[in-house]
Protein backbone atom coordinates (compact mmCIF):
# COMPACT_ATOMS: atom_id res chain seq x y z
CA MET A 1 0.00 0.00 0.00
CA TRP A 2 3.02 2.29 0.29
CA GLY A 3 4.08 1.66 -3.34
CA TYR A 4 6.94 -0.52 -2.11
CA ARG A 5 9.46 -1.51 -4.81
CA PRO A 6 11.97 -4.17 -3.68
CA ARG A 7 14.41 -3.49 -6.49
CA LYS A 8 14.46 0.29 -5.83
CA SER A 9 14.94 -0.39 -2.11
CA ILE A 10 17.90 -2.63 -2.85
CA ALA A 11 19.46 -0.06 -5.18
CA ALA A 12 19.02 2.75 -2.63
CA GLY A 13 20.46 0.61 0.13
CA LEU A 14 23.50 -0.32 -1.97
CA ALA A 15 24.18 3.30 -2.92
CA LEU A 16 23.79 4.62 0.62
CA SER A 17 25.86 1.86 2.18
CA THR A 18 28.64 2.43 -0.38
CA ILE A 19 28.79 6.18 0.35
CA LEU A 20 28.76 5.73 4.12
CA ALA A 21 31.29 2.87 4.04
CA ALA A 22 33.65 5.03 1.96
CA SER A 23 33.23 7.87 4.48
CA LEU A 24 33.98 5.46 7.30
CA LEU A 25 37.17 4.32 5.56
CA LEU A 26 38.35 7.93 5.08
CA MET A 27 37.70 8.68 8.76
CA ALA A 28 39.69 5.63 9.77
CA LEU A 29 42.60 6.74 7.58
CA ALA A 30 42.46 10.30 8.90
CA GLY A 31 42.25 9.09 12.49
CA ASP A 32 41.17 12.47 13.93
CA LYS A 33 37.38 12.17 14.09
CA PRO A 34 35.57 11.83 17.42
CA ALA A 35 34.47 8.30 18.31
CA VAL A 36 30.81 9.34 18.43
CA VAL A 37 30.94 10.52 14.80
CA VAL A 38 32.51 7.26 13.66
CA MET A 39 29.87 5.32 15.60
CA LEU A 40 27.02 7.29 14.01
CA VAL A 41 28.38 6.60 10.54
CA MET A 42 28.67 2.89 11.37
CA VAL A 43 25.01 2.90 12.46
CA GLY A 44 24.15 4.53 9.14
CA VAL A 45 25.93 1.74 7.27
CA ALA A 46 24.00 -0.86 9.24
CA LEU A 47 20.67 0.88 8.60
CA SER A 48 21.38 1.18 4.89
CA PHE A 49 22.09 -2.53 4.69
CA GLY A 50 18.75 -2.99 6.45
CA LEU A 51 17.12 -1.74 3.27
CA ILE A 52 18.57 -4.79 1.55
CA SER A 53 16.63 -7.10 3.80
CA PRO A 54 15.94 -10.77 3.12
CA HIS A 55 12.27 -9.84 2.65
CA ALA A 56 13.15 -7.43 -0.12
CA LEU A 57 15.34 -10.01 -1.80
CA ASN A 58 12.65 -12.62 -1.50
CA GLU A 59 10.03 -10.29 -3.01
CA ALA A 60 12.35 -9.43 -5.87
CA VAL A 61 13.16 -13.06 -6.58
CA ARG A 62 9.46 -13.99 -6.49
CA GLN A 63 8.97 -11.77 -9.51
CA ILE A 64 11.19 -14.08 -11.56
CA PRO A 65 9.36 -17.43 -11.86
CA GLU A 66 12.22 -19.08 -13.70
CA ILE A 67 14.57 -18.56 -10.73
CA VAL A 68 11.98 -19.78 -8.26
CA GLY A 69 11.44 -22.92 -10.31
CA SER A 70 15.18 -23.59 -10.45
CA ILE A 71 15.53 -23.15 -6.69
CA SER A 72 12.64 -25.53 -6.02
CA ALA A 73 14.07 -28.13 -8.34
CA ALA A 74 17.51 -27.83 -6.77
CA ARG A 75 16.02 -28.16 -3.27
CA ALA A 76 14.13 -31.32 -4.25
CA PHE A 77 17.30 -32.77 -5.80
CA VAL A 78 19.32 -32.07 -2.64
CA GLN A 79 16.65 -33.70 -0.46
CA MET A 80 16.59 -36.76 -2.72
CA ILE A 81 20.37 -37.13 -2.61
CA GLY A 82 20.35 -36.63 1.18
CA ALA A 83 17.74 -39.34 1.66
CA ALA A 84 19.70 -41.74 -0.52
CA SER A 85 22.87 -41.17 1.53
CA GLY A 86 21.14 -41.61 4.90
CA GLN A 87 21.24 -37.90 5.75
CA LEU A 88 18.29 -36.19 7.38
CA THR A 89 17.13 -32.80 6.15
CA SER A 90 15.09 -29.96 7.55
CA GLY A 91 13.81 -27.17 5.36
CA GLY A 92 15.99 -28.39 2.49
CA ASN A 93 19.21 -28.13 4.50
CA THR A 94 21.20 -31.16 5.58
CA VAL A 95 21.14 -31.10 9.36
CA ILE A 96 22.56 -34.36 10.63
CA SER A 97 23.03 -38.00 9.70
CA TYR A 98 23.40 -41.22 11.67
CA GLU A 99 26.96 -41.64 10.41
CA ARG A 100 27.94 -38.12 11.49
CA LEU A 101 26.85 -38.63 15.09
CA ASN A 102 30.25 -39.40 16.57
CA PRO A 103 30.03 -40.69 20.17
CA VAL A 104 32.06 -39.01 22.91
CA LEU A 105 33.41 -41.21 25.72
CA LEU A 106 33.53 -40.27 29.40
CA SER A 107 35.17 -42.60 31.93
CA ARG A 108 33.29 -43.51 35.09
CA ASP A 109 35.35 -45.68 37.44
CA GLY A 110 37.27 -47.05 34.49
CA VAL A 111 34.18 -47.77 32.34
CA ARG A 112 33.76 -45.60 29.25
CA LEU A 113 30.21 -44.35 28.74
CA ALA A 114 29.29 -42.92 25.35
CA HIS A 115 26.98 -40.13 24.31
CA VAL A 116 26.37 -37.96 21.27
CA GLU A 117 25.57 -34.27 21.45
CA ALA A 118 24.15 -31.71 19.03
CA GLY A 119 22.57 -28.29 19.06
CA PRO A 120 23.43 -24.99 20.75
CA ALA A 121 24.86 -25.51 24.23
CA ALA A 122 23.59 -22.14 25.47
CA ALA A 123 20.02 -22.40 24.18
CA GLN A 124 17.46 -20.74 26.46
CA VAL A 125 15.18 -23.78 26.52
CA PRO A 126 15.35 -27.07 28.44
CA PRO A 127 17.83 -29.50 26.86
CA LEU A 128 16.71 -32.96 25.76
CA LEU A 129 18.22 -36.21 27.05
CA PHE A 130 17.48 -39.32 24.97
CA VAL A 131 17.83 -42.82 26.45
CA ASN A 132 17.99 -45.86 24.18
CA GLY A 133 16.33 -49.18 24.87
CA TRP A 134 17.45 -52.80 25.15
CA THR A 135 20.15 -53.70 22.54
CA GLY A 136 19.77 -50.26 20.95
CA ASP A 137 21.75 -47.03 20.74
CA HIS A 138 21.30 -43.34 19.95
CA GLY A 139 20.48 -44.12 16.30
CA ILE A 140 16.84 -44.81 17.12
CA PHE A 141 16.51 -41.06 17.84
CA THR A 142 18.26 -39.80 14.71
CA PRO A 143 15.23 -37.85 13.36
CA GLN A 144 14.55 -36.35 16.79
CA ILE A 145 18.17 -35.25 17.18
CA ALA A 146 18.06 -33.66 13.72
CA HIS A 147 14.80 -31.86 14.46
CA PHE A 148 15.39 -30.59 17.98
CA ALA A 149 19.10 -29.76 17.67
CA GLN A 150 18.09 -26.80 15.53
CA SER A 151 16.80 -24.99 18.61
CA ARG A 152 18.11 -26.66 21.77
CA ARG A 153 20.88 -28.73 23.24
CA VAL A 154 20.39 -32.46 22.65
CA VAL A 155 22.28 -35.31 24.32
CA ALA A 156 21.66 -39.00 23.52
CA VAL A 157 23.38 -41.57 25.69
CA ASN A 158 24.52 -45.08 24.84
CA LEU A 159 23.64 -47.18 27.86
CA ARG A 160 26.43 -49.10 29.55
CA GLY A 161 27.05 -52.19 27.42
CA HIS A 162 25.31 -50.68 24.39
CA GLY A 163 26.50 -48.87 21.29
CA SER A 164 29.95 -47.37 21.82
CA SER A 165 29.93 -47.74 25.63
CA ASP A 166 32.07 -50.34 27.38
CA ALA A 167 30.46 -53.65 28.34
CA PRO A 168 32.19 -55.01 31.46
CA GLN A 169 31.23 -58.36 32.96
CA GLN A 170 28.75 -57.34 35.65
CA ASP A 171 25.08 -57.16 36.55
CA TYR A 172 23.04 -54.76 34.38
CA THR A 173 20.15 -53.25 36.31
CA ILE A 174 17.63 -50.45 35.73
CA ALA A 175 18.94 -48.63 38.81
CA GLY A 176 22.53 -48.99 37.61
CA PHE A 177 21.69 -47.45 34.23
CA ALA A 178 19.92 -44.57 36.00
CA ASP A 179 22.99 -43.91 38.15
CA ASP A 180 25.20 -43.85 35.04
CA ILE A 181 22.97 -41.31 33.32
CA ALA A 182 22.76 -39.07 36.40
CA TRP A 183 26.57 -39.09 36.48
CA GLN A 184 26.73 -38.23 32.77
CA CYS A 185 24.34 -35.32 33.28
CA ASP A 186 26.56 -33.98 36.06
CA GLN A 187 29.70 -34.32 33.94
CA LEU A 188 28.07 -32.61 30.96
CA GLY A 189 26.46 -29.83 32.97
CA LEU A 190 23.06 -30.93 31.67
CA ARG A 191 20.61 -29.05 33.88
CA ASN A 192 16.90 -29.87 34.12
CA PRO A 193 16.67 -31.84 30.86
CA VAL A 194 13.51 -33.39 29.49
CA VAL A 195 14.31 -37.11 29.57
CA ILE A 196 12.97 -39.16 26.66
CA GLY A 197 13.29 -42.95 26.72
CA HIS A 198 12.40 -45.44 24.00
CA SER A 199 11.28 -48.97 24.89
CA MET A 200 13.29 -50.17 27.91
CA GLY A 201 14.82 -46.70 27.93
CA GLY A 202 11.44 -45.45 29.16
CA ARG A 203 11.70 -47.59 32.31
CA ILE A 204 15.22 -46.29 32.85
CA ALA A 205 13.94 -42.72 32.38
CA LEU A 206 11.25 -43.35 35.00
CA GLU A 207 13.80 -44.75 37.44
CA LEU A 208 16.16 -41.84 36.78
CA CYS A 209 13.46 -39.23 37.44
CA GLY A 210 12.18 -41.01 40.55
CA ARG A 211 15.64 -41.74 41.90
CA TYR A 212 16.86 -38.19 41.25
CA PRO A 213 13.69 -36.08 41.60
CA ASP A 214 15.46 -32.75 41.06
CA LEU A 215 17.34 -33.80 37.94
CA ALA A 216 14.75 -33.47 35.14
CA SER A 217 12.08 -30.96 34.16
CA GLY A 218 9.93 -33.52 32.35
CA MET A 219 9.86 -37.08 31.04
CA VAL A 220 8.53 -38.93 27.99
CA MET A 221 8.31 -42.71 27.52
CA ILE A 222 7.94 -44.09 24.00
CA ASP A 223 6.32 -47.53 23.63
CA THR A 224 7.58 -48.81 26.97
CA ILE A 225 6.37 -51.86 28.91
CA VAL A 226 6.35 -49.70 32.00
CA MET A 227 4.05 -51.51 34.46
CA PRO A 228 4.07 -55.22 33.54
CA PRO A 229 1.71 -57.37 35.62
CA PRO A 230 3.50 -59.60 38.15
CA ILE A 231 2.01 -62.70 36.54
CA LEU A 232 4.06 -61.93 33.43
CA ARG A 233 7.20 -63.00 35.27
CA GLU A 234 5.90 -66.55 35.54
CA SER A 235 4.57 -66.88 32.01
CA PRO A 236 6.08 -69.66 29.86
CA GLU A 237 6.70 -67.19 27.02
CA VAL A 238 8.85 -64.94 29.21
CA ARG A 239 10.77 -67.87 30.65
CA ALA A 240 11.42 -69.19 27.14
CA LEU A 241 12.60 -65.74 26.03
CA LEU A 242 15.07 -65.47 28.92
CA GLU A 243 16.37 -68.98 28.30
CA GLY A 244 16.81 -68.19 24.62
CA ILE A 245 18.67 -64.94 25.29
CA GLY A 246 21.00 -66.83 27.63
CA GLY A 247 21.49 -69.75 25.24
CA PRO A 248 23.58 -70.54 22.16
CA ASP A 249 20.99 -69.10 19.73
CA TYR A 250 21.07 -65.71 21.44
CA LEU A 251 21.71 -63.56 18.37
CA ALA A 252 19.10 -65.26 16.19
CA ILE A 253 16.47 -64.87 18.93
CA VAL A 254 17.29 -61.21 19.58
CA LYS A 255 17.24 -60.37 15.86
CA ALA A 256 13.92 -62.15 15.33
CA ASN A 257 12.42 -60.36 18.34
CA ALA A 258 13.61 -57.00 17.02
CA TRP A 259 12.10 -57.70 13.59
CA GLU A 260 8.72 -58.70 15.01
CA LEU A 261 8.47 -55.55 17.14
CA GLY A 262 8.66 -53.50 13.96
CA CYS A 263 5.23 -54.86 12.98
CA ASN A 264 3.89 -54.88 9.44
CA PHE A 265 2.47 -51.42 8.80
CA GLU A 266 5.25 -50.08 6.62
CA ASP A 267 6.11 -50.77 3.01
CA PRO A 268 8.28 -53.96 3.08
CA ALA A 269 11.30 -52.26 1.55
CA ARG A 270 11.18 -49.35 4.00
CA ARG A 271 10.58 -51.67 6.96
CA LYS A 272 13.70 -53.62 5.93
CA MET A 273 15.69 -50.38 5.57
CA ILE A 274 14.70 -49.17 9.05
CA TYR A 275 15.57 -52.54 10.56
CA GLU A 276 18.93 -52.87 8.81
CA THR A 277 19.99 -49.25 9.36
CA TYR A 278 18.81 -48.34 12.86
CA VAL A 279 17.89 -51.58 14.68
CA LEU A 280 20.13 -54.43 13.56
CA PRO A 281 23.63 -52.85 13.90
CA PRO A 282 23.41 -51.97 17.64
CA CYS A 283 21.54 -55.24 18.25
CA GLU A 284 24.41 -57.25 16.77
CA ARG A 285 26.99 -55.24 18.75
CA THR A 286 25.33 -55.78 22.14
CA PRO A 287 27.17 -58.59 23.97
CA GLN A 288 25.09 -61.52 25.15
CA HIS A 289 25.98 -61.06 28.82
CA VAL A 290 24.67 -57.49 28.68
CA ALA A 291 21.41 -58.33 26.93
CA HIS A 292 20.65 -61.33 29.15
CA SER A 293 21.46 -59.62 32.44
CA MET A 294 19.50 -56.48 31.54
CA MET A 295 16.38 -58.33 30.43
CA ARG A 296 16.45 -60.77 33.36
CA ASN A 297 16.79 -57.99 35.93
CA ALA A 298 14.18 -55.81 34.23
CA ILE A 299 11.61 -58.61 34.22
CA LEU A 300 12.35 -60.51 37.42
CA ASN A 301 13.97 -58.04 39.80
CA TYR A 302 12.69 -54.53 39.03
CA ASP A 303 9.67 -52.84 40.59
CA PRO A 304 8.77 -49.53 38.87
CA VAL A 305 6.23 -48.45 41.51
CA PRO A 306 8.64 -46.67 43.93
CA ALA A 307 10.10 -44.60 41.07
CA ALA A 308 6.62 -43.76 39.76
CA GLU A 309 5.48 -42.69 43.24
CA ALA A 310 8.50 -40.39 43.58
CA CYS A 311 8.10 -38.88 40.11
CA ARG A 312 6.09 -35.65 40.18
CA ILE A 313 7.36 -33.88 37.09
CA PRO A 314 5.30 -33.50 33.88
CA MET A 315 5.14 -36.87 32.15
CA ALA A 316 3.97 -38.21 28.78
CA TYR A 317 3.65 -41.57 27.10
CA ILE A 318 3.72 -42.06 23.32
CA SER A 319 2.31 -45.41 22.28
CA ALA A 320 2.78 -47.43 19.09
CA ASP A 321 0.68 -50.28 17.68
CA VAL A 322 2.56 -53.27 19.12
CA PRO A 323 0.21 -55.90 20.64
CA LEU A 324 2.77 -57.23 23.15
CA VAL A 325 3.53 -53.76 24.52
CA ASN A 326 -0.14 -52.76 24.59
CA MET A 327 -0.98 -55.87 26.59
CA ALA A 328 1.80 -55.56 29.16
CA ARG A 329 2.32 -51.84 29.83
CA ASP A 330 -0.69 -51.12 32.16
CA LEU A 331 -0.95 -47.36 31.62
CA ASP A 332 -4.07 -47.23 33.80
CA ARG A 333 -1.98 -48.28 36.80
CA LEU A 334 0.72 -45.75 35.94
CA GLN A 335 -1.86 -42.97 35.63
CA GLU A 336 -3.30 -43.85 39.05
CA ILE A 337 0.15 -43.29 40.55
CA CYS A 338 1.08 -40.36 38.29
CA PRO A 339 -2.08 -38.37 37.50
CA GLN A 340 0.03 -35.84 35.59
CA LEU A 341 0.63 -38.46 32.88
CA VAL A 342 -0.65 -37.55 29.40
CA ILE A 343 -0.98 -40.27 26.75
CA ALA A 344 -0.68 -40.06 22.97
CA LYS A 345 -0.42 -42.58 20.17
CA THR A 346 1.23 -42.66 16.77
CA MET A 347 -0.94 -43.91 13.93
CA LEU A 348 -0.21 -47.21 12.20
CA ALA A 349 3.40 -47.58 13.33
CA GLY A 350 5.40 -50.29 15.03
CA HIS A 351 7.89 -50.18 17.89
CA TYR A 352 10.37 -48.04 15.97
CA ASN A 353 7.93 -45.19 15.50
CA THR A 354 10.67 -42.63 16.22
CA ILE A 355 12.01 -43.53 12.76
CA GLU A 356 8.93 -44.88 10.99
CA VAL A 357 6.65 -41.91 11.69
CA ALA A 358 9.21 -39.40 12.93
CA ASP A 359 7.01 -36.45 11.97
CA GLN A 360 4.26 -37.67 14.30
CA VAL A 361 6.66 -38.29 17.19
CA ASN A 362 8.39 -34.94 16.71
CA ALA A 363 5.04 -33.12 16.66
CA MET A 364 3.97 -34.81 19.90
CA LEU A 365 7.28 -33.99 21.58
CA ASP A 366 7.03 -30.38 20.38
CA ARG A 367 3.57 -30.14 21.88
CA PHE A 368 4.74 -31.60 25.17
CA LEU A 369 7.66 -29.16 25.32
CA THR A 370 5.52 -26.10 24.58
CA VAL A 371 2.41 -27.04 26.59
CA GLY A 372 2.93 -30.18 28.67
CA LEU A 373 5.86 -28.89 30.69
CA HIS A 374 3.66 -26.14 32.11
CA ARG A 375 0.82 -28.41 33.20
CA CYS A 376 0.29 -30.25 36.47
CA ARG A 377 3.55 -29.28 38.15
CA HIS A 378 3.62 -30.71 41.72
């Protein structure tokens, strides 16, 4: 309505900035002008460049359809190449890839514990702390790391015995994992993170937040068997699973279990890609003594109720469509203990919904971070 002409604005800005910059250079060479005069001229240069704003450039470019078409085509080509190479993109720009997430090792009592980190360390928002599940690693959160590292600090641990962390011969318990992560938070200066755990990582997140009630500002569990009924411990299926994990066919049983949890919603080729890229590699690297001890202790020796009773921070649960998990998680019991719990569900996705429907998971986490953290604080 003001008769705005982007091209004229750009030309005026270029001319004015050139004149003022030349004046500034002459003042600097002369060296006898008051500081306030030099400062005013510098402000003038800055304001003149303000005329050449991104909005003006965008408006000018929009008037040339051929250029716009070329930019769109180039963006689509870059996204296609990025997808083929395993890189994740946001807004057309390559942000992060699984292969580029290089773990950092910190030594705790002689045991090296790994984590990956991304995003601005000084962001003015709560950082995120991702916790992998049984026989997994940080890769299961690759789309979440790519998405959230654009605005906040993100740390994803590799549990002791998993991924790039050391795997000493010892007992692997939920409480022990929680103690490791609390130590890592202290070492990294990670203050009041939102803890997000996938699968068994959700139980560890619950234990961490109950065991260290002042550590986190919020918690999210993703498709976690969080409150299994006691009768499950005595079921023949569970006993057979534990015997298999401890037996000579360990790797075949673990791989088959991981495949089945993926369910059959996805296109077969994409399901295979997700399994072979994000699930199978850490599964094959997890030593048998780690996997067996962790599963045995989680099923037979761990009671989540004390941690749930101590946990009063905002809490969310994101469900998938996995019959076994749906049957054994008992969210009604968890919500009785933790009335602040909010529940969501991804649509038509298996256990690896963080990869399979990453856009849904990211949207739910975004909503929890912007709204959920401010509800039901106790």
